Amino acid sequence: MPHENNFQHANYSKSDPGTRVGYRTFQPGAALDSPAWVQAMGDVGQQLAKSRVKGMLFLNGLPYMDLFGAARLDEVGGLKRGYSRGISGIESLLALLRPATNGIGLPDDPIHLPLKNNEQTQQGLDALAQEVGNFTSSYVWKFEQALSQGSGQKISCGRYVWSSMNHHVGRVEAAIDLLLYLQKWGSGLALTKEDRLLIVGHGHAGQVLALLSNILTRGESEGRGRVFEILAKYWQAYPSVDRSTEQLEHLYRLVMDQTVLEGATVDVVTLGTPVRYGWDTDGVGHLLHFVNHRVIRTDGKRWLAKMELPQIAWEMPYQTGGDYVQQLAVAGTDALPNSPEAEQANVDFREIFEPYDGFERWLECTRRTTRCANDGQCVLVEYGVQAEESPRQHLFGHACYTQSPAMLFLATEIAQAFYAPVG
């Protein structure tokens, strides 16, 4: 989306992104913690420091939730209302999307939504998921240490766990909570207008960042005031001890005065984020999207995924085409709000954000097979197949981004895309 996106939904374009897309085959590079690895990560740290990156924040949620947003599909149609009649293979596909039947979550999983961004939650996630769709505390610590060794100055690396309430109102609340967290975290970094923050979001956390870009836009935005208004109305109707409309009003003033983060620029990287909300490029600095993608089409359009029924239901367990969460958890999917007040707010937000609601519209969007977001650079990476592992380990191609063997690859690609020396 362009400047002044105004919370518009992304387009599902089948056109070639041209120079905005790059293609890679994952190479781990030097062995983790080897002298060559330390040197390479240190070189990245130098590039970030020279570009005035003061901090780096890693975002993820609960990997064992309804990753595909099948609850909303069932609510608006799916098998329950007969929309699938005559569509070969759709029943098998929906079984792979539903958390009760796809093998990702277990009934006795000890962590439940909504998640709180605190040490207890982070420790629980690390014990439960380890590096499966989860930036562990040890991963973040190792990243910080490696960057600082090369730059000679500390580049603070932090971790933020979003609520994982994966519907419109939940994601808006998460964007507001993240902004409040960034304000507090950034206050310890002595930020100025010349400085930068780098945020890396895995999966649906990227949707939170897309909303944040629309909130932070420096341009005019008719939708921004309406978004804050809907959220304030919901908070008044459904009060909680950890939020207040006064806090929301204060944050709105900071946004409108453009004094958030002391004017520092926020650069964003997403990992396997489905194409949904549009990005406001006036609200962020650099923007880069990584997608686990294998070219299995036969028509030469290597920038697109492949969506053919019934074959896709056979391909998903083997991650034949790459990241199926990124491919299929598009417009029309979602978790369900857990209260009448939240549902009303969700309906209000849907009128602004979601032009593609409904089972048939979801199917239409998936058949567009769009991999790259409308804005920013896109890197389509063949990370390799984890066929011998269970869905709980590979998340249908969605788990590969957050693992330590991929750290150097991720860091190097970001540095080259964002902070490479000019000339």
Protein backbone atom coordinates (compact mmCIF):
# COMPACT_ATOMS: atom_id res chain seq x y z
CA MET A 1 0.00 0.00 0.00
CA PRO A 2 1.18 3.57 -0.58
CA HIS A 3 1.54 6.49 1.79
CA GLU A 4 -1.72 7.22 3.62
CA ASN A 5 -2.97 3.64 3.35
CA ASN A 6 -5.72 4.45 5.87
CA PHE A 7 -6.12 0.85 7.09
CA GLN A 8 -7.05 -0.49 3.66
CA HIS A 9 -6.73 -4.22 3.07
CA ALA A 10 -3.92 -5.49 0.87
CA ASN A 11 -4.60 -6.51 -2.72
CA TYR A 12 -4.16 -10.14 -3.77
CA SER A 13 -2.20 -9.50 -6.91
CA LYS A 14 -0.89 -12.22 -9.21
CA SER A 15 1.41 -9.79 -11.00
CA ASP A 16 5.17 -10.26 -10.93
CA PRO A 17 6.60 -8.09 -8.09
CA GLY A 18 9.61 -7.46 -10.31
CA THR A 19 12.58 -5.91 -8.51
CA ARG A 20 10.77 -6.05 -5.16
CA VAL A 21 11.23 -9.82 -4.90
CA GLY A 22 14.36 -11.88 -4.47
CA TYR A 23 14.78 -15.65 -4.51
CA ARG A 24 17.07 -17.56 -2.17
CA THR A 25 17.91 -21.10 -1.20
CA PHE A 26 18.57 -21.26 2.51
CA GLN A 27 22.23 -21.65 3.38
CA PRO A 28 23.05 -21.74 7.12
CA GLY A 29 26.57 -20.48 6.47
CA ALA A 30 29.22 -20.89 9.12
CA ALA A 31 28.52 -23.31 11.96
CA LEU A 32 26.73 -21.78 14.94
CA ASP A 33 29.19 -20.20 17.42
CA SER A 34 32.21 -20.97 15.25
CA PRO A 35 34.83 -18.20 14.81
CA ALA A 36 33.55 -17.59 11.26
CA TRP A 37 29.96 -17.33 12.54
CA VAL A 38 30.99 -14.89 15.27
CA GLN A 39 32.87 -12.78 12.72
CA ALA A 40 29.94 -12.74 10.28
CA MET A 41 27.44 -11.77 12.98
CA GLY A 42 29.86 -9.12 14.20
CA ASP A 43 30.02 -7.66 10.69
CA VAL A 44 26.22 -7.39 10.74
CA GLY A 45 26.45 -5.63 14.09
CA GLN A 46 28.83 -3.08 12.62
CA GLN A 47 26.43 -2.35 9.76
CA LEU A 48 23.52 -1.89 12.16
CA ALA A 49 25.54 0.37 14.45
CA LYS A 50 26.71 2.55 11.56
CA SER A 51 23.07 2.92 10.51
CA ARG A 52 22.19 4.06 14.05
CA VAL A 53 20.09 1.02 14.94
CA LYS A 54 19.76 1.31 18.72
CA GLY A 55 17.56 -1.69 19.43
CA MET A 56 16.10 -4.84 17.93
CA LEU A 57 12.84 -6.41 19.09
CA PHE A 58 11.66 -9.95 18.25
CA LEU A 59 7.90 -10.67 18.23
CA ASN A 60 5.99 -13.93 18.19
CA GLY A 61 2.91 -15.52 19.67
CA LEU A 62 1.76 -19.00 20.61
CA PRO A 63 2.64 -21.40 17.78
CA TYR A 64 0.11 -24.00 18.96
CA MET A 65 -3.03 -21.91 18.48
CA ASP A 66 -5.54 -21.85 15.61
CA LEU A 67 -2.82 -20.77 13.18
CA PHE A 68 -5.05 -21.01 10.13
CA GLY A 69 -8.00 -19.13 11.63
CA ALA A 70 -10.35 -22.00 10.83
CA ALA A 71 -12.84 -20.98 13.52
CA ARG A 72 -14.09 -18.05 11.45
CA LEU A 73 -14.35 -20.22 8.32
CA ASP A 74 -16.55 -22.66 10.20
CA GLU A 75 -18.65 -19.83 11.61
CA VAL A 76 -19.41 -18.30 8.21
CA GLY A 77 -19.69 -21.45 6.15
CA GLY A 78 -17.29 -24.28 5.52
CA LEU A 79 -18.78 -27.72 5.78
CA LYS A 80 -21.50 -26.59 8.17
CA ARG A 81 -23.50 -24.70 5.56
CA GLY A 82 -22.73 -26.72 2.50
CA TYR A 83 -20.48 -24.18 0.78
CA SER A 84 -18.00 -26.97 0.13
CA ARG A 85 -20.37 -29.15 -1.88
CA GLY A 86 -18.93 -29.97 -5.24
CA ILE A 87 -15.43 -28.69 -4.36
CA SER A 88 -13.15 -31.69 -4.59
CA GLY A 89 -10.76 -32.08 -1.67
CA ILE A 90 -12.06 -29.17 0.42
CA GLU A 91 -13.07 -31.42 3.32
CA SER A 92 -9.53 -32.82 3.56
CA LEU A 93 -8.07 -29.32 3.39
CA LEU A 94 -10.31 -27.98 6.15
CA ALA A 95 -9.34 -30.91 8.37
CA LEU A 96 -5.72 -29.78 8.03
CA LEU A 97 -6.68 -26.22 8.97
CA ARG A 98 -8.68 -27.03 12.11
CA PRO A 99 -6.62 -27.20 15.32
CA ALA A 100 -8.64 -30.17 16.57
CA THR A 101 -7.54 -32.32 13.64
CA ASN A 102 -4.29 -30.92 12.20
CA GLY A 103 -1.92 -32.18 14.90
CA ILE A 104 -0.47 -28.80 15.90
CA GLY A 105 -2.09 -28.27 19.29
CA LEU A 106 -2.69 -30.79 22.07
CA PRO A 107 -5.57 -30.76 24.60
CA ASP A 108 -3.15 -30.72 27.53
CA ASP A 109 -0.95 -27.86 26.31
CA PRO A 110 -0.26 -25.81 29.47
CA ILE A 111 -0.38 -22.34 27.87
CA HIS A 112 -3.68 -20.68 27.09
CA LEU A 113 -4.77 -17.43 25.47
CA PRO A 114 -4.51 -14.54 25.87
CA LEU A 115 -0.76 -14.51 26.41
CA LYS A 116 0.83 -11.92 28.66
CA ASN A 117 4.20 -10.47 27.75
CA ASN A 118 6.04 -11.40 30.92
CA GLU A 119 8.88 -13.64 32.01
CA GLN A 120 6.58 -16.45 33.12
CA THR A 121 4.94 -16.63 29.69
CA GLN A 122 8.26 -16.49 27.89
CA GLN A 123 9.71 -19.28 30.01
CA GLY A 124 6.60 -21.37 29.45
CA LEU A 125 6.76 -20.85 25.70
CA ASP A 126 10.43 -21.78 25.60
CA ALA A 127 9.75 -25.00 27.50
CA LEU A 128 6.73 -25.89 25.37
CA ALA A 129 7.70 -24.88 21.84
CA GLN A 130 11.46 -24.32 22.06
CA GLU A 131 12.40 -22.77 18.69
CA VAL A 132 9.27 -23.86 16.81
CA GLY A 133 7.78 -20.53 15.72
CA ASN A 134 9.19 -19.00 18.90
CA PHE A 135 12.09 -16.63 19.54
CA THR A 136 13.49 -18.12 22.74
CA SER A 137 15.21 -15.96 25.33
CA SER A 138 18.49 -17.74 24.62
CA TYR A 139 18.09 -16.98 20.89
CA VAL A 140 17.56 -13.28 21.58
CA TRP A 141 20.48 -13.17 24.04
CA LYS A 142 22.79 -14.89 21.55
CA PHE A 143 21.72 -12.44 18.82
CA GLU A 144 22.50 -9.46 21.05
CA GLN A 145 25.88 -10.79 22.13
CA ALA A 146 26.91 -11.58 18.57
CA LEU A 147 25.94 -8.15 17.23
CA SER A 148 27.68 -6.30 20.04
CA GLN A 149 30.97 -8.13 19.58
CA GLY A 150 31.32 -6.67 16.13
CA SER A 151 30.02 -3.15 16.68
CA GLY A 152 31.89 -2.34 19.87
CA GLN A 153 28.65 -0.98 21.29
CA LYS A 154 25.60 -2.70 22.64
CA ILE A 155 22.64 -3.05 20.30
CA SER A 156 19.89 -3.91 22.74
CA CYS A 157 17.85 -6.94 21.68
CA GLY A 158 14.50 -7.60 23.31
CA ARG A 159 11.60 -9.99 23.09
CA TYR A 160 7.88 -9.34 22.98
CA VAL A 161 5.14 -11.98 23.11
CA TRP A 162 1.85 -10.78 21.69
CA SER A 163 -1.51 -11.93 23.06
CA SER A 164 -2.20 -14.26 20.09
CA MET A 165 -5.87 -13.22 20.16
CA ASN A 166 -5.92 -13.60 16.42
CA HIS A 167 -8.92 -11.56 15.32
CA HIS A 168 -9.32 -7.91 14.40
CA VAL A 169 -9.99 -6.53 17.87
CA GLY A 170 -7.26 -8.71 19.37
CA ARG A 171 -4.70 -7.52 16.84
CA VAL A 172 -5.65 -3.86 17.29
CA GLU A 173 -5.29 -4.23 21.06
CA ALA A 174 -1.95 -5.95 20.49
CA ALA A 175 -0.75 -3.06 18.30
CA ILE A 176 -1.67 -0.57 21.03
CA ASP A 177 -0.03 -2.69 23.73
CA LEU A 178 3.09 -3.06 21.59
CA LEU A 179 3.27 0.69 21.06
CA LEU A 180 3.03 1.27 24.81
CA TYR A 181 5.78 -1.31 25.32
CA LEU A 182 7.97 0.32 22.68
CA GLN A 183 7.57 3.68 24.38
CA LYS A 184 8.79 2.22 27.66
CA TRP A 185 11.53 0.08 26.10
CA GLY A 186 12.71 2.90 23.87
CA SER A 187 12.97 5.32 26.77
CA GLY A 188 15.99 3.37 27.98
CA LEU A 189 17.77 3.65 24.62
CA ALA A 190 18.16 7.45 24.54
CA LEU A 191 16.51 7.65 21.13
CA THR A 192 16.69 10.65 18.81
CA LYS A 193 15.14 11.39 15.43
CA GLU A 194 18.30 10.10 13.74
CA ASP A 195 18.05 6.67 15.38
CA ARG A 196 16.32 3.50 14.24
CA LEU A 197 14.61 0.52 15.85
CA LEU A 198 14.40 -2.83 14.08
CA ILE A 199 11.38 -5.06 14.75
CA VAL A 200 11.18 -8.67 13.54
CA GLY A 201 7.74 -10.31 13.70
CA HIS A 202 6.96 -13.98 13.11
CA GLY A 203 3.70 -15.06 11.51
CA HIS A 204 0.58 -13.30 12.72
CA ALA A 205 2.69 -10.89 14.77
CA GLY A 206 3.36 -9.30 11.39
CA GLN A 207 -0.33 -8.36 11.18
CA VAL A 208 0.10 -6.44 14.41
CA LEU A 209 3.02 -4.59 12.84
CA ALA A 210 1.00 -3.80 9.70
CA LEU A 211 -1.67 -2.21 11.88
CA LEU A 212 1.05 -0.35 13.77
CA SER A 213 2.32 1.13 10.49
CA ASN A 214 -1.15 2.55 9.85
CA ILE A 215 -1.34 3.94 13.38
CA LEU A 216 2.08 5.58 13.15
CA THR A 217 1.64 7.14 9.71
CA ARG A 218 2.80 10.73 9.51
CA GLY A 219 0.22 11.46 6.84
CA GLU A 220 -3.47 12.19 7.18
CA SER A 221 -5.60 9.22 8.23
CA GLU A 222 -9.36 9.26 8.49
CA GLY A 223 -9.36 5.69 9.75
CA ARG A 224 -6.95 6.22 12.64
CA GLY A 225 -9.36 8.24 14.75
CA ARG A 226 -12.12 5.74 14.04
CA VAL A 227 -9.91 2.82 15.14
CA PHE A 228 -9.11 4.52 18.45
CA GLU A 229 -12.80 5.39 18.88
CA ILE A 230 -13.96 1.77 18.40
CA LEU A 231 -11.32 0.50 20.79
CA ALA A 232 -12.21 3.10 23.45
CA LYS A 233 -15.89 2.16 23.16
CA TYR A 234 -15.01 -1.51 23.62
CA TRP A 235 -12.81 -0.81 26.65
CA GLN A 236 -15.61 1.20 28.24
CA ALA A 237 -18.09 -1.62 27.65
CA TYR A 238 -15.67 -4.34 28.80
CA PRO A 239 -13.36 -2.78 31.42
CA SER A 240 -10.16 -4.42 32.61
CA VAL A 241 -7.67 -3.49 35.32
CA ASP A 242 -4.73 -3.49 32.88
CA ARG A 243 -6.10 -0.90 30.43
CA SER A 244 -7.87 2.46 30.47
CA THR A 245 -9.35 4.89 27.99
CA GLU A 246 -7.21 7.63 29.55
CA GLN A 247 -4.12 5.66 28.58
CA LEU A 248 -5.51 5.29 25.08
CA GLU A 249 -6.19 9.02 24.79
CA HIS A 250 -2.64 9.81 25.92
CA LEU A 251 -1.19 7.48 23.31
CA TYR A 252 -3.39 8.99 20.61
CA ARG A 253 -2.03 12.45 21.42
CA LEU A 254 1.55 11.17 21.17
CA VAL A 255 0.79 9.64 17.79
CA MET A 256 -0.87 12.78 16.48
CA ASP A 257 1.98 14.97 17.78
CA GLN A 258 4.48 12.60 16.14
CA THR A 259 6.46 12.32 19.36
CA VAL A 260 6.25 8.53 19.66
CA LEU A 261 9.72 7.03 20.24
CA GLU A 262 11.19 10.55 20.09
CA GLY A 263 10.75 10.49 16.34
CA ALA A 264 13.03 7.48 15.75
CA THR A 265 12.38 5.40 12.63
CA VAL A 266 10.97 1.88 12.95
CA ASP A 267 12.22 -0.69 10.42
CA VAL A 268 10.16 -3.88 10.09
CA VAL A 269 10.86 -7.46 9.04
CA THR A 270 8.11 -10.09 8.83
CA LEU A 271 8.62 -13.84 8.74
CA GLY A 272 5.88 -15.92 7.14
CA THR A 273 3.18 -13.29 7.65
CA PRO A 274 0.05 -13.92 5.56
CA VAL A 275 -0.99 -11.13 3.19
CA ARG A 276 -3.87 -9.30 4.89
CA TYR A 277 -3.66 -5.76 6.23
CA GLY A 278 -2.12 -3.16 3.98
CA TRP A 279 1.04 -1.38 5.09
CA ASP A 280 1.34 2.37 5.42
CA THR A 281 4.85 3.04 4.20
CA ASP A 282 4.79 6.48 5.81
CA GLY A 283 4.48 4.82 9.22
CA VAL A 284 7.64 2.69 9.02
CA GLY A 285 11.12 2.93 7.54
CA HIS A 286 12.52 -0.11 5.75
CA LEU A 287 10.16 -3.05 5.18
CA LEU A 288 11.13 -6.63 4.31
CA HIS A 289 9.11 -9.86 4.17
CA PHE A 290 10.58 -13.38 4.34
CA VAL A 291 8.46 -16.28 3.07
CA ASN A 292 9.32 -19.98 3.06
CA HIS A 293 8.51 -20.80 -0.56
CA ARG A 294 9.21 -23.68 -2.90
CA VAL A 295 8.53 -23.31 -6.61
CA ILE A 296 6.20 -26.15 -7.57
CA ARG A 297 4.17 -24.42 -10.26
CA THR A 298 4.72 -25.46 -13.85
CA ASP A 299 3.70 -22.17 -15.51
CA GLY A 300 6.90 -20.23 -14.73
CA LYS A 301 5.24 -17.87 -12.22
CA ARG A 302 7.70 -18.60 -9.46
CA TRP A 303 6.56 -15.66 -7.31
CA LEU A 304 3.18 -17.33 -6.69
CA ALA A 305 2.18 -20.24 -4.48
CA LYS A 306 0.21 -23.19 -5.84
CA MET A 307 -3.40 -23.80 -4.83
CA GLU A 308 -5.02 -26.75 -6.54
CA LEU A 309 -7.64 -28.97 -4.98
CA PRO A 310 -7.48 -31.76 -4.01
CA GLN A 311 -3.67 -31.83 -4.43
CA ILE A 312 -2.93 -29.18 -1.79
CA ALA A 313 -4.28 -31.44 0.97
CA TRP A 314 -1.73 -34.06 -0.07
CA GLU A 315 1.11 -31.55 -0.34
CA MET A 316 0.69 -29.74 2.98
CA PRO A 317 1.96 -32.48 5.34
CA TYR A 318 5.22 -32.54 3.36
CA GLN A 319 5.51 -28.73 3.09
CA THR A 320 5.84 -29.28 -0.63
CA GLY A 321 5.15 -25.64 -1.47
CA GLY A 322 6.71 -24.04 1.61
CA ASP A 323 4.79 -22.13 4.30
CA TYR A 324 1.09 -23.03 4.18
CA VAL A 325 0.12 -20.83 7.13
CA GLN A 326 1.41 -17.83 5.18
CA GLN A 327 -0.45 -19.03 2.11
CA LEU A 328 -3.83 -19.98 3.60
CA ALA A 329 -4.40 -17.84 6.73
CA VAL A 330 -5.51 -14.92 4.58
CA ALA A 331 -8.61 -12.71 4.53
CA GLY A 332 -11.69 -14.43 5.90
CA THR A 333 -9.85 -16.52 8.48
CA ASP A 334 -9.69 -15.69 12.19
CA ALA A 335 -10.16 -16.86 15.73
CA LEU A 336 -13.45 -15.95 17.41
CA PRO A 337 -13.82 -13.22 20.07
CA ASN A 338 -14.62 -14.49 23.55
CA SER A 339 -17.29 -11.99 24.63
CA PRO A 340 -20.29 -10.18 23.11
CA GLU A 341 -18.51 -6.85 23.60
CA ALA A 342 -15.40 -8.07 21.78
CA GLU A 343 -17.56 -9.49 19.01
CA GLN A 344 -19.24 -6.11 18.50
CA ALA A 345 -15.86 -4.38 18.32
CA ASN A 346 -14.70 -7.06 15.90
CA VAL A 347 -17.71 -6.39 13.66
CA ASP A 348 -16.94 -2.67 13.72
CA PHE A 349 -13.29 -3.28 12.82
CA ARG A 350 -14.27 -5.74 10.11
CA GLU A 351 -16.18 -2.97 8.34
CA ILE A 352 -12.91 -1.02 8.08
CA PHE A 353 -10.35 -3.78 7.58
CA GLU A 354 -11.96 -6.75 5.86
CA PRO A 355 -13.58 -6.57 2.41
CA TYR A 356 -13.23 -10.32 1.85
CA ASP A 357 -15.25 -11.86 4.69
CA GLY A 358 -16.97 -15.18 4.08
CA PHE A 359 -16.00 -18.72 3.15
CA GLU A 360 -16.29 -18.25 -0.59
CA ARG A 361 -14.32 -14.99 -0.45
CA TRP A 362 -11.58 -16.77 1.52
CA LEU A 363 -11.40 -19.47 -1.13
CA GLU A 364 -11.21 -16.77 -3.79
CA CYS A 365 -8.28 -15.11 -1.97
CA THR A 366 -6.36 -18.37 -1.56
CA ARG A 367 -6.71 -19.05 -5.26
CA ARG A 368 -4.94 -15.79 -6.00
CA THR A 369 -1.86 -17.55 -4.50
CA THR A 370 -0.19 -14.24 -3.57
CA ARG A 371 3.07 -14.66 -1.67
CA CYS A 372 4.49 -11.12 -1.53
CA ALA A 373 2.90 -8.21 0.32
CA ASN A 374 2.02 -5.16 -1.75
CA ASP A 375 4.76 -3.03 -0.21
CA GLY A 376 8.32 -3.47 0.88
CA GLN A 377 10.87 -5.97 -0.34
CA CYS A 378 10.06 -9.69 -0.39
CA VAL A 379 12.48 -12.59 -0.12
CA LEU A 380 11.13 -15.99 -1.17
CA VAL A 381 13.37 -18.56 0.49
CA GLU A 382 13.45 -22.30 -0.02
CA TYR A 383 14.19 -23.35 3.55
CA GLY A 384 13.96 -27.06 2.81
CA VAL A 385 11.45 -29.74 3.76
CA GLN A 386 11.04 -31.15 7.26
CA ALA A 387 8.92 -34.07 6.08
CA GLU A 388 9.90 -36.53 8.79
CA GLU A 389 8.72 -34.26 11.58
CA SER A 390 5.17 -33.90 12.87
CA PRO A 391 2.95 -30.86 12.21
CA ARG A 392 3.72 -29.80 15.76
CA GLN A 393 7.37 -29.47 14.74
CA HIS A 394 7.11 -28.01 11.24
CA LEU A 395 3.79 -26.09 11.53
CA PHE A 396 3.23 -26.89 7.85
CA GLY A 397 6.32 -24.95 6.80
CA HIS A 398 5.82 -22.08 9.27
CA ALA A 399 8.37 -23.08 11.94
CA CYS A 400 11.68 -22.62 10.12
CA TYR A 401 12.25 -18.88 10.57
CA THR A 402 12.92 -18.71 14.32
CA GLN A 403 15.51 -21.45 14.68
CA SER A 404 19.12 -20.80 15.65
CA PRO A 405 20.68 -22.40 12.55
CA ALA A 406 18.87 -19.74 10.49
CA MET A 407 20.06 -16.81 12.65
CA LEU A 408 23.08 -15.85 10.55
CA PHE A 409 21.09 -16.12 7.32
CA LEU A 410 18.36 -13.86 8.71
CA ALA A 411 20.80 -11.31 10.09
CA THR A 412 22.83 -11.16 6.89
CA GLU A 413 19.80 -10.76 4.64
CA ILE A 414 18.42 -7.95 6.81
CA ALA A 415 21.74 -6.12 6.87
CA GLN A 416 22.13 -6.37 3.09
CA ALA A 417 18.57 -5.23 2.42
CA PHE A 418 18.45 -2.38 4.93
CA TYR A 419 21.88 -1.24 6.00
CA ALA A 420 24.42 -2.08 3.30
CA PRO A 421 27.02 0.67 2.72
CA VAL A 422 26.19 2.95 -0.19
CA GLY A 423 28.75 3.24 -2.97
